[in-house]
Amino acid sequence: GEGAYIHDLDYWLFNKPKDEKMSDGAYTKMWRMYENERM
């Protein structure tokens, strides 16, 4: 069997919060970007 998650997330990863608390945007506090530091 073969499976995947192949999904260009450029728009979502760089959809930054609009308020100072970083509470909106695609990923609150940019958490998904930080997860991409994991190999």
All heavy atoms as atom14 arrays in JSON, in Angstrom:
{
  "sequence": "GEGAYIHDLDYWLFNKPKDEKMSDGAYTKMWRMYENERM",
  "atom14_mask": [
    [1, 1, 1, 1, 0, 0, 0, 0, 0, 0, 0, 0, 0, 0],
    [1, 1, 1, 1, 1, 1, 1, 1, 1, 0, 0, 0, 0, 0],
    [1, 1, 1, 1, 0, 0, 0, 0, 0, 0, 0, 0, 0, 0],
    [1, 1, 1, 1, 1, 0, 0, 0, 0, 0, 0, 0, 0, 0],
    [1, 1, 1, 1, 1, 1, 1, 1, 1, 1, 1, 1, 0, 0],
    [1, 1, 1, 1, 1, 1, 1, 1, 0, 0, 0, 0, 0, 0],
    [1, 1, 1, 1, 1, 1, 1, 1, 1, 1, 0, 0, 0, 0],
    [1, 1, 1, 1, 1, 1, 1, 1, 0, 0, 0, 0, 0, 0],
    [1, 1, 1, 1, 1, 1, 1, 1, 0, 0, 0, 0, 0, 0],
    [1, 1, 1, 1, 1, 1, 1, 1, 0, 0, 0, 0, 0, 0],
    [1, 1, 1, 1, 1, 1, 1, 1, 1, 1, 1, 1, 0, 0],
    [1, 1, 1, 1, 1, 1, 1, 1, 1, 1, 1, 1, 1, 1],
    [1, 1, 1, 1, 1, 1, 1, 1, 0, 0, 0, 0, 0, 0],
    [1, 1, 1, 1, 1, 1, 1, 1, 1, 1, 1, 0, 0, 0],
    [1, 1, 1, 1, 1, 1, 1, 1, 0, 0, 0, 0, 0, 0],
    [1, 1, 1, 1, 1, 1, 1, 1, 1, 0, 0, 0, 0, 0],
    [1, 1, 1, 1, 1, 1, 1, 0, 0, 0, 0, 0, 0, 0],
    [1, 1, 1, 1, 1, 1, 1, 1, 1, 0, 0, 0, 0, 0],
    [1, 1, 1, 1, 1, 1, 1, 1, 0, 0, 0, 0, 0, 0],
    [1, 1, 1, 1, 1, 1, 1, 1, 1, 0, 0, 0, 0, 0],
    [1, 1, 1, 1, 1, 1, 1, 1, 1, 0, 0, 0, 0, 0],
    [1, 1, 1, 1, 1, 1, 1, 1, 0, 0, 0, 0, 0, 0],
    [1, 1, 1, 1, 1, 1, 0, 0, 0, 0, 0, 0, 0, 0],
    [1, 1, 1, 1, 1, 1, 1, 1, 0, 0, 0, 0, 0, 0],
    [1, 1, 1, 1, 0, 0, 0, 0, 0, 0, 0, 0, 0, 0],
    [1, 1, 1, 1, 1, 0, 0, 0, 0, 0, 0, 0, 0, 0],
    [1, 1, 1, 1, 1, 1, 1, 1, 1, 1, 1, 1, 0, 0],
    [1, 1, 1, 1, 1, 1, 1, 0, 0, 0, 0, 0, 0, 0],
    [1, 1, 1, 1, 1, 1, 1, 1, 1, 0, 0, 0, 0, 0],
    [1, 1, 1, 1, 1, 1, 1, 1, 0, 0, 0, 0, 0, 0],
    [1, 1, 1, 1, 1, 1, 1, 1, 1, 1, 1, 1, 1, 1],
    [1, 1, 1, 1, 1, 1, 1, 1, 1, 1, 1, 0, 0, 0],
    [1, 1, 1, 1, 1, 1, 1, 1, 0, 0, 0, 0, 0, 0],
    [1, 1, 1, 1, 1, 1, 1, 1, 1, 1, 1, 1, 0, 0],
    [1, 1, 1, 1, 1, 1, 1, 1, 1, 0, 0, 0, 0, 0],
    [1, 1, 1, 1, 1, 1, 1, 1, 0, 0, 0, 0, 0, 0],
    [1, 1, 1, 1, 1, 1, 1, 1, 1, 0, 0, 0, 0, 0],
    [1, 1, 1, 1, 1, 1, 1, 1, 1, 1, 1, 0, 0, 0],
    [1, 1, 1, 1, 1, 1, 1, 1, 0, 0, 0, 0, 0, 0]
  ],
  "atom14_positions": [
    [[0.82, -1.2, 0.0], [0.0, 0.0, 0.0], [0.86, 1.25, 0.0], [1.98, 1.25, 0.51], [0.0, 0.0, 0.0], [0.0, 0.0, 0.0], [0.0, 0.0, 0.0], [0.0, 0.0, 0.0], [0.0, 0.0, 0.0], [0.0, 0.0, 0.0], [0.0, 0.0, 0.0], [0.0, 0.0, 0.0], [0.0, 0.0, 0.0], [0.0, 0.0, 0.0]],
    [[0.32, 2.32, -0.57], [1.01, 3.6, -0.58], [0.03, 4.71, -0.22], [-1.12, 4.71, -0.67], [1.63, 3.9, -1.95], [2.7, 2.89, -2.34], [3.35, 3.19, -3.69], [3.07, 4.28, -4.25], [4.11, 2.33, -4.18], [0.0, 0.0, 0.0], [0.0, 0.0, 0.0], [0.0, 0.0, 0.0], [0.0, 0.0, 0.0], [0.0, 0.0, 0.0]],
    [[0.48, 5.63, 0.63], [-0.34, 6.75, 1.04], [0.53, 7.97, 1.23], [1.76, 7.88, 1.27], [0.0, 0.0, 0.0], [0.0, 0.0, 0.0], [0.0, 0.0, 0.0], [0.0, 0.0, 0.0], [0.0, 0.0, 0.0], [0.0, 0.0, 0.0], [0.0, 0.0, 0.0], [0.0, 0.0, 0.0], [0.0, 0.0, 0.0], [0.0, 0.0, 0.0]],
    [[-0.1, 9.13, 1.37], [0.69, 10.35, 1.44], [-0.11, 11.5, 2.0], [-1.35, 11.45, 2.06], [1.2, 10.73, 0.04], [0.0, 0.0, 0.0], [0.0, 0.0, 0.0], [0.0, 0.0, 0.0], [0.0, 0.0, 0.0], [0.0, 0.0, 0.0], [0.0, 0.0, 0.0], [0.0, 0.0, 0.0], [0.0, 0.0, 0.0], [0.0, 0.0, 0.0]],
    [[0.61, 12.53, 2.39], [0.03, 13.86, 2.54], [0.95, 14.78, 1.75], [1.99, 15.22, 2.23], [-0.04, 14.29, 4.0], [-0.73, 15.63, 4.18], [-2.09, 15.76, 3.94], [-0.01, 16.75, 4.56], [-2.73, 16.98, 4.1], [-0.64, 17.98, 4.73], [-1.99, 18.09, 4.49], [-2.62, 19.31, 4.64], [0.0, 0.0, 0.0], [0.0, 0.0, 0.0]],
    [[0.57, 15.03, 0.51], [1.3, 15.93, -0.38], [0.39, 17.12, -0.63], [-0.64, 17.0, -1.31], [1.7, 15.23, -1.69], [2.65, 14.07, -1.39], [2.33, 16.21, -2.67], [2.94, 13.17, -2.59], [0.0, 0.0, 0.0], [0.0, 0.0, 0.0], [0.0, 0.0, 0.0], [0.0, 0.0, 0.0], [0.0, 0.0, 0.0], [0.0, 0.0, 0.0]],
    [[0.73, 18.24, -0.02], [-0.18, 19.39, -0.02], [0.66, 20.66, 0.12], [1.27, 20.89, 1.16], [-1.16, 19.27, 1.14], [-2.28, 20.27, 1.1], [-3.21, 20.37, 2.11], [-2.62, 21.2, 0.19], [-4.07, 21.32, 1.81], [-3.74, 21.85, 0.65], [0.0, 0.0, 0.0], [0.0, 0.0, 0.0], [0.0, 0.0, 0.0], [0.0, 0.0, 0.0]],
    [[0.69, 21.46, -0.91], [1.45, 22.71, -0.87], [0.75, 23.68, 0.08], [-0.29, 24.25, -0.24], [1.53, 23.3, -2.27], [2.38, 24.57, -2.33], [2.94, 24.96, -1.28], [2.46, 25.18, -3.41], [0.0, 0.0, 0.0], [0.0, 0.0, 0.0], [0.0, 0.0, 0.0], [0.0, 0.0, 0.0], [0.0, 0.0, 0.0], [0.0, 0.0, 0.0]],
    [[1.34, 23.87, 1.27], [0.72, 24.7, 2.31], [1.28, 26.13, 2.33], [1.12, 26.83, 3.34], [0.94, 24.06, 3.69], [0.25, 22.73, 3.95], [0.56, 22.25, 5.36], [-1.26, 22.84, 3.76], [0.0, 0.0, 0.0], [0.0, 0.0, 0.0], [0.0, 0.0, 0.0], [0.0, 0.0, 0.0], [0.0, 0.0, 0.0], [0.0, 0.0, 0.0]],
    [[1.9, 26.57, 1.25], [2.54, 27.88, 1.24], [1.58, 28.98, 1.7], [1.93, 29.81, 2.54], [3.07, 28.19, -0.16], [3.84, 29.49, -0.21], [5.05, 29.48, 0.07], [3.23, 30.54, -0.53], [0.0, 0.0, 0.0], [0.0, 0.0, 0.0], [0.0, 0.0, 0.0], [0.0, 0.0, 0.0], [0.0, 0.0, 0.0], [0.0, 0.0, 0.0]],
    [[0.38, 28.99, 1.16], [-0.58, 30.04, 1.52], [-0.89, 30.02, 3.01], [-0.91, 31.05, 3.68], [-1.88, 29.87, 0.72], [-3.0, 30.76, 1.22], [-3.05, 32.11, 0.88], [-4.0, 30.24, 2.05], [-4.07, 32.92, 1.36], [-5.01, 31.05, 2.54], [-5.04, 32.4, 2.19], [-6.04, 33.19, 2.68], [0.0, 0.0, 0.0], [0.0, 0.0, 0.0]],
    [[-1.1, 28.83, 3.56], [-1.5, 28.72, 4.95], [-0.32, 28.97, 5.89], [-0.47, 29.62, 6.93], [-2.1, 27.33, 5.21], [-3.41, 27.15, 4.53], [-4.65, 27.47, 5.0], [-3.62, 26.62, 3.23], [-5.63, 27.18, 4.07], [-5.01, 26.64, 2.96], [-2.76, 26.12, 2.23], [-5.57, 26.18, 1.78], [-3.32, 25.67, 1.04], [-4.7, 25.7, 0.82]],
    [[0.85, 28.47, 5.54], [2.01, 28.65, 6.4], [2.39, 30.12, 6.54], [2.86, 30.56, 7.6], [3.21, 27.87, 5.86], [3.14, 26.35, 5.96], [4.35, 25.72, 5.26], [3.09, 25.9, 7.42], [0.0, 0.0, 0.0], [0.0, 0.0, 0.0], [0.0, 0.0, 0.0], [0.0, 0.0, 0.0], [0.0, 0.0, 0.0], [0.0, 0.0, 0.0]],
    [[2.16, 30.89, 5.48], [2.55, 32.3, 5.51], [1.35, 33.24, 5.72], [1.47, 34.45, 5.54], [3.3, 32.66, 4.22], [4.65, 32.01, 4.14], [4.84, 30.85, 3.4], [5.73, 32.53, 4.84], [6.08, 30.24, 3.34], [6.97, 31.92, 4.79], [7.15, 30.78, 4.04], [0.0, 0.0, 0.0], [0.0, 0.0, 0.0], [0.0, 0.0, 0.0]],
    [[0.22, 32.67, 6.11], [-0.97, 33.48, 6.43], [-0.82, 33.95, 7.87], [-1.29, 33.31, 8.81], [-2.23, 32.64, 6.24], [-3.5, 33.44, 6.42], [-3.47, 34.58, 6.88], [-4.61, 32.83, 6.07], [0.0, 0.0, 0.0], [0.0, 0.0, 0.0], [0.0, 0.0, 0.0], [0.0, 0.0, 0.0], [0.0, 0.0, 0.0], [0.0, 0.0, 0.0]],
    [[-0.16, 35.05, 8.06], [0.24, 35.5, 9.4], [-0.95, 36.07, 10.17], [-1.94, 36.53, 9.59], [1.34, 36.54, 9.31], [0.86, 37.9, 8.8], [1.96, 38.94, 8.92], [1.42, 40.34, 8.59], [2.43, 41.38, 8.78], [0.0, 0.0, 0.0], [0.0, 0.0, 0.0], [0.0, 0.0, 0.0], [0.0, 0.0, 0.0], [0.0, 0.0, 0.0]],
    [[-0.87, 36.06, 11.5], [-1.9, 36.69, 12.33], [-1.96, 38.19, 12.08], [-0.96, 38.83, 11.77], [-1.44, 36.38, 13.76], [-0.52, 35.23, 13.63], [0.15, 35.39, 12.3], [0.0, 0.0, 0.0], [0.0, 0.0, 0.0], [0.0, 0.0, 0.0], [0.0, 0.0, 0.0], [0.0, 0.0, 0.0], [0.0, 0.0, 0.0], [0.0, 0.0, 0.0]],
    [[-3.15, 38.74, 12.28], [-3.34, 40.16, 12.04], [-3.36, 40.97, 13.33], [-3.32, 42.19, 13.3], [-4.65, 40.39, 11.28], [-4.68, 39.74, 9.9], [-6.01, 39.97, 9.22], [-6.02, 39.35, 7.81], [-5.86, 37.9, 7.83], [0.0, 0.0, 0.0], [0.0, 0.0, 0.0], [0.0, 0.0, 0.0], [0.0, 0.0, 0.0], [0.0, 0.0, 0.0]],
    [[-3.44, 40.29, 14.48], [-3.47, 41.03, 15.74], [-2.2, 40.77, 16.54], [-1.43, 39.84, 16.26], [-4.71, 40.69, 16.56], [-4.76, 39.23, 17.0], [-3.76, 38.51, 16.81], [-5.79, 38.81, 17.52], [0.0, 0.0, 0.0], [0.0, 0.0, 0.0], [0.0, 0.0, 0.0], [0.0, 0.0, 0.0], [0.0, 0.0, 0.0], [0.0, 0.0, 0.0]],
    [[-1.96, 41.58, 17.53], [-0.73, 41.49, 18.31], [-0.63, 40.21, 19.13], [0.45, 39.74, 19.46], [-0.62, 42.71, 19.24], [-0.41, 44.03, 18.49], [-0.25, 45.2, 19.44], [-0.36, 44.98, 20.67], [-0.04, 46.33, 18.96], [0.0, 0.0, 0.0], [0.0, 0.0, 0.0], [0.0, 0.0, 0.0], [0.0, 0.0, 0.0], [0.0, 0.0, 0.0]],
    [[-1.78, 39.62, 19.49], [-1.79, 38.4, 20.28], [-1.55, 37.16, 19.42], [-1.52, 36.05, 19.93], [-3.11, 38.27, 21.04], [-3.33, 39.35, 22.08], [-4.64, 39.14, 22.82], [-4.87, 40.2, 23.88], [-6.15, 40.01, 24.6], [0.0, 0.0, 0.0], [0.0, 0.0, 0.0], [0.0, 0.0, 0.0], [0.0, 0.0, 0.0], [0.0, 0.0, 0.0]],
    [[-1.44, 37.37, 18.11], [-1.21, 36.26, 17.17], [-2.32, 35.22, 17.28], [-2.09, 34.01, 17.22], [0.15, 35.6, 17.4], [1.33, 36.54, 17.17], [2.92, 35.72, 17.39], [2.91, 34.59, 16.0], [0.0, 0.0, 0.0], [0.0, 0.0, 0.0], [0.0, 0.0, 0.0], [0.0, 0.0, 0.0], [0.0, 0.0, 0.0], [0.0, 0.0, 0.0]],
    [[-3.55, 35.68, 17.46], [-4.65, 34.77, 17.74], [-5.48, 34.42, 16.51], [-6.41, 33.63, 16.6], [-5.57, 35.37, 18.81], [-6.14, 36.59, 18.35], [0.0, 0.0, 0.0], [0.0, 0.0, 0.0], [0.0, 0.0, 0.0], [0.0, 0.0, 0.0], [0.0, 0.0, 0.0], [0.0, 0.0, 0.0], [0.0, 0.0, 0.0], [0.0, 0.0, 0.0]],
    [[-5.17, 35.04, 15.36], [-5.9, 34.65, 14.16], [-4.89, 34.12, 13.14], [-3.85, 33.59, 13.5], [-6.73, 35.82, 13.63], [-5.87, 37.04, 13.3], [-4.64, 36.98, 13.51], [-6.43, 38.05, 12.83], [0.0, 0.0, 0.0], [0.0, 0.0, 0.0], [0.0, 0.0, 0.0], [0.0, 0.0, 0.0], [0.0, 0.0, 0.0], [0.0, 0.0, 0.0]],
    [[-5.19, 34.28, 11.86], [-4.32, 33.66, 10.85], [-4.68, 32.2, 10.67], [-5.52, 31.65, 11.4], [0.0, 0.0, 0.0], [0.0, 0.0, 0.0], [0.0, 0.0, 0.0], [0.0, 0.0, 0.0], [0.0, 0.0, 0.0], [0.0, 0.0, 0.0], [0.0, 0.0, 0.0], [0.0, 0.0, 0.0], [0.0, 0.0, 0.0], [0.0, 0.0, 0.0]],
    [[-4.06, 31.57, 9.7], [-4.39, 30.17, 9.42], [-4.01, 29.27, 10.59], [-4.74, 28.33, 10.92], [-3.69, 29.72, 8.15], [0.0, 0.0, 0.0], [0.0, 0.0, 0.0], [0.0, 0.0, 0.0], [0.0, 0.0, 0.0], [0.0, 0.0, 0.0], [0.0, 0.0, 0.0], [0.0, 0.0, 0.0], [0.0, 0.0, 0.0], [0.0, 0.0, 0.0]],
    [[-2.85, 29.53, 11.21], [-2.39, 28.73, 12.34], [-2.07, 29.67, 13.49], [-1.11, 30.45, 13.43], [-1.14, 27.91, 11.96], [-1.38, 26.93, 10.83], [-0.8, 27.13, 9.58], [-2.19, 25.81, 11.01], [-1.02, 26.24, 8.53], [-2.41, 24.92, 9.97], [-1.83, 25.14, 8.74], [-2.04, 24.25, 7.72], [0.0, 0.0, 0.0], [0.0, 0.0, 0.0]],
    [[-2.88, 29.62, 14.54], [-2.71, 30.51, 15.68], [-1.27, 30.48, 16.19], [-0.7, 29.41, 16.4], [-3.67, 30.1, 16.82], [-5.01, 30.16, 16.31], [-3.55, 31.05, 17.99], [0.0, 0.0, 0.0], [0.0, 0.0, 0.0], [0.0, 0.0, 0.0], [0.0, 0.0, 0.0], [0.0, 0.0, 0.0], [0.0, 0.0, 0.0], [0.0, 0.0, 0.0]],
    [[-0.7, 31.67, 16.37], [0.68, 31.82, 16.85], [1.7, 31.16, 15.93], [2.81, 30.85, 16.33], [0.83, 31.3, 18.28], [-0.05, 32.02, 19.3], [0.19, 31.47, 20.69], [-0.7, 32.19, 21.7], [-0.48, 31.66, 23.08], [0.0, 0.0, 0.0], [0.0, 0.0, 0.0], [0.0, 0.0, 0.0], [0.0, 0.0, 0.0], [0.0, 0.0, 0.0]],
    [[1.28, 30.93, 14.65], [2.18, 30.36, 13.64], [2.7, 28.98, 14.05], [3.81, 28.56, 13.69], [3.37, 31.29, 13.38], [2.98, 32.66, 12.87], [2.23, 32.65, 11.22], [3.65, 32.28, 10.19], [0.0, 0.0, 0.0], [0.0, 0.0, 0.0], [0.0, 0.0, 0.0], [0.0, 0.0, 0.0], [0.0, 0.0, 0.0], [0.0, 0.0, 0.0]],
    [[1.88, 28.21, 14.76], [2.36, 26.95, 15.33], [2.81, 25.96, 14.26], [3.77, 25.21, 14.45], [1.31, 26.33, 16.24], [0.05, 25.86, 15.57], [-1.11, 26.56, 15.44], [-0.2, 24.59, 14.98], [-2.06, 25.82, 14.77], [-1.52, 24.6, 14.49], [0.58, 23.44, 14.82], [-2.09, 23.5, 13.85], [0.01, 22.34, 14.16], [-1.31, 22.38, 13.69]],
    [[2.15, 25.95, 13.12], [2.5, 24.96, 12.09], [3.88, 25.25, 11.5], [4.61, 24.33, 11.12], [1.43, 24.93, 11.0], [1.58, 23.81, 9.97], [0.98, 22.52, 10.44], [1.08, 21.45, 9.45], [0.04, 20.85, 8.85], [-1.18, 21.24, 9.14], [0.21, 19.86, 8.01], [0.0, 0.0, 0.0], [0.0, 0.0, 0.0], [0.0, 0.0, 0.0]],
    [[4.23, 26.54, 11.39], [5.56, 26.87, 10.89], [6.64, 26.33, 11.83], [7.64, 25.77, 11.4], [5.72, 28.38, 10.73], [7.06, 28.79, 10.13], [7.26, 28.33, 8.4], [6.45, 29.74, 7.63], [0.0, 0.0, 0.0], [0.0, 0.0, 0.0], [0.0, 0.0, 0.0], [0.0, 0.0, 0.0], [0.0, 0.0, 0.0], [0.0, 0.0, 0.0]],
    [[6.42, 26.49, 13.12], [7.39, 25.98, 14.09], [7.5, 24.45, 14.01], [8.59, 23.9, 14.21], [7.0, 26.41, 15.51], [7.24, 27.88, 15.78], [6.17, 28.76, 15.84], [8.52, 28.38, 15.97], [6.37, 30.12, 16.09], [8.74, 29.73, 16.21], [7.66, 30.6, 16.27], [7.87, 31.93, 16.51], [0.0, 0.0, 0.0], [0.0, 0.0, 0.0]],
    [[6.4, 23.78, 13.73], [6.45, 22.31, 13.62], [7.34, 21.87, 12.46], [7.88, 20.77, 12.47], [5.04, 21.74, 13.44], [4.12, 21.88, 14.65], [4.49, 20.96, 15.79], [5.39, 20.1, 15.62], [3.87, 21.09, 16.87], [0.0, 0.0, 0.0], [0.0, 0.0, 0.0], [0.0, 0.0, 0.0], [0.0, 0.0, 0.0], [0.0, 0.0, 0.0]],
    [[7.49, 22.74, 11.46], [8.32, 22.39, 10.31], [9.81, 22.43, 10.6], [10.63, 22.12, 9.73], [8.0, 23.3, 9.12], [6.75, 22.86, 8.38], [6.51, 21.67, 8.2], [5.94, 23.82, 7.98], [0.0, 0.0, 0.0], [0.0, 0.0, 0.0], [0.0, 0.0, 0.0], [0.0, 0.0, 0.0], [0.0, 0.0, 0.0], [0.0, 0.0, 0.0]],
    [[10.18, 22.78, 11.83], [11.59, 22.68, 12.21], [11.97, 21.25, 12.59], [13.15, 20.95, 12.79], [11.86, 23.61, 13.39], [11.72, 25.09, 13.08], [12.01, 25.97, 14.28], [13.09, 25.81, 14.87], [11.14, 26.79, 14.65], [0.0, 0.0, 0.0], [0.0, 0.0, 0.0], [0.0, 0.0, 0.0], [0.0, 0.0, 0.0], [0.0, 0.0, 0.0]],
    [[10.99, 20.38, 12.66], [11.24, 19.0, 13.09], [11.54, 18.13, 11.88], [10.76, 18.08, 10.92], [10.02, 18.46, 13.84], [10.28, 17.16, 14.55], [9.11, 16.79, 15.44], [9.41, 15.6, 16.21], [8.55, 14.98, 17.0], [7.33, 15.47, 17.15], [8.9, 13.89, 17.66], [0.0, 0.0, 0.0], [0.0, 0.0, 0.0], [0.0, 0.0, 0.0]],
    [[12.65, 17.42, 11.91], [13.05, 16.57, 10.78], [12.36, 15.22, 10.89], [12.95, 14.2, 11.29], [14.57, 16.41, 10.76], [15.32, 17.73, 10.71], [14.88, 18.69, 9.24], [15.1, 20.36, 9.87], [0.0, 0.0, 0.0], [0.0, 0.0, 0.0], [0.0, 0.0, 0.0], [0.0, 0.0, 0.0], [0.0, 0.0, 0.0], [0.0, 0.0, 0.0]]
  ]
}
